[in-house]
Amino acid sequence: MSERTLLKKVNSLKDLEIQKKAIEKQMTGLQEEIKKEMEVRGAEEEAIGEWIVRFKAVMSNKFNSKAFAADHPILYKKYMASSQTMRFTVQ
């Protein structure tokens, strides 16, 4: 691939990233408006046209690895695993 072709692809990628951010901002705004309306209605679930919209609390349990490492450093090191990934960035 030539340098010019690669530059075009990188420029296209950066343009798409800008568009993505704008779309995500619009989506977040719409989600917030829908959430507010559901709170006003006092609804956790509502059928809207062909869609079912849900906005409700969900409980989850998470492992606090920072606290575990502080309380049990030997066990933490024993079960710690390293991994390698490839990171792609364009700046």
Protein backbone atom coordinates (compact mmCIF):
# COMPACT_ATOMS: atom_id res chain seq x y z
CA MET A 1 0.00 0.00 0.00
CA SER A 2 1.40 3.39 -0.92
CA GLU A 3 1.99 6.19 1.58
CA ARG A 4 -0.75 8.23 -0.11
CA THR A 5 -3.30 5.42 0.15
CA LEU A 6 -2.41 4.83 3.78
CA LEU A 7 -2.79 8.56 4.53
CA LYS A 8 -6.24 8.55 2.91
CA LYS A 9 -7.27 5.61 5.09
CA VAL A 10 -5.98 7.30 8.26
CA ASN A 11 -7.79 10.53 7.33
CA SER A 12 -11.00 8.58 6.69
CA LEU A 13 -10.62 6.86 10.04
CA LYS A 14 -10.18 10.17 11.87
CA ASP A 15 -13.24 11.63 10.07
CA LEU A 16 -15.31 8.61 11.12
CA GLU A 17 -14.10 8.97 14.73
CA ILE A 18 -15.35 12.58 14.74
CA GLN A 19 -18.71 11.47 13.34
CA LYS A 20 -18.90 8.67 15.91
CA LYS A 21 -18.36 11.11 18.78
CA ALA A 22 -21.12 13.37 17.45
CA ILE A 23 -23.52 10.43 17.08
CA GLU A 24 -22.66 9.14 20.56
CA LYS A 25 -23.37 12.60 21.98
CA GLN A 26 -26.77 12.63 20.26
CA MET A 27 -27.52 9.12 21.51
CA THR A 28 -26.61 10.05 25.08
CA GLY A 29 -28.89 13.08 24.91
CA LEU A 30 -31.80 11.01 23.63
CA GLN A 31 -31.20 8.33 26.25
CA GLU A 32 -31.25 10.94 29.01
CA GLU A 33 -34.51 12.43 27.70
CA ILE A 34 -36.12 8.97 27.58
CA LYS A 35 -34.87 8.14 31.10
CA LYS A 36 -36.27 11.38 32.48
CA GLU A 37 -39.65 10.72 30.88
CA MET A 38 -39.74 7.20 32.28
CA GLU A 39 -38.94 8.58 35.75
CA VAL A 40 -41.74 11.14 35.38
CA ARG A 41 -44.10 8.32 34.42
CA GLY A 42 -42.81 6.15 37.26
CA ALA A 43 -42.21 3.32 34.80
CA GLU A 44 -39.35 0.83 34.78
CA GLU A 45 -40.62 -0.78 31.58
CA GLU A 46 -42.82 0.57 28.87
CA ALA A 47 -44.00 -0.55 25.44
CA ILE A 48 -43.39 2.28 22.98
CA GLY A 49 -44.55 1.36 19.50
CA GLU A 50 -42.75 -1.84 18.55
CA TRP A 51 -40.10 -1.35 21.26
CA ILE A 52 -39.95 -2.27 24.93
CA VAL A 53 -37.93 0.31 26.85
CA ARG A 54 -36.52 -0.56 30.27
CA PHE A 55 -34.86 1.69 32.82
CA LYS A 56 -34.44 -0.04 36.14
CA ALA A 57 -31.87 -0.68 38.84
CA VAL A 58 -29.72 -3.78 38.46
CA MET A 59 -27.70 -5.22 41.33
CA SER A 60 -24.24 -6.62 40.69
CA ASN A 61 -21.33 -7.86 42.77
CA LYS A 62 -17.79 -6.95 41.86
CA PHE A 63 -14.54 -8.28 43.18
CA ASN A 64 -12.43 -5.54 44.80
CA SER A 65 -8.98 -6.62 43.65
CA LYS A 66 -7.30 -3.55 45.13
CA ALA A 67 -8.57 -4.34 48.63
CA PHE A 68 -7.78 -8.04 48.17
CA ALA A 69 -4.22 -7.21 47.10
CA ALA A 70 -3.80 -5.04 50.20
CA ASP A 71 -5.21 -7.70 52.56
CA HIS A 72 -3.65 -10.77 50.91
CA PRO A 73 -0.57 -9.73 48.89
CA ILE A 74 0.88 -13.25 48.62
CA LEU A 75 -2.33 -14.79 47.29
CA TYR A 76 -2.83 -11.83 44.98
CA LYS A 77 0.63 -12.29 43.43
CA LYS A 78 0.10 -16.06 43.17
CA TYR A 79 -3.03 -15.68 41.06
CA MET A 80 -2.00 -12.60 39.09
CA ALA A 81 -1.64 -13.33 35.39
CA SER A 82 0.03 -11.17 32.77
CA SER A 83 -1.37 -10.74 29.31
CA GLN A 84 -0.31 -8.93 26.19
CA THR A 85 -2.57 -7.11 23.76
CA MET A 86 -1.99 -5.01 20.68
CA ARG A 87 -3.07 -1.38 21.01
CA PHE A 88 -3.86 0.69 17.90
CA THR A 89 -3.80 4.48 18.16
CA VAL A 90 -3.71 7.39 15.74
CA GLN A 91 -2.71 10.73 17.21
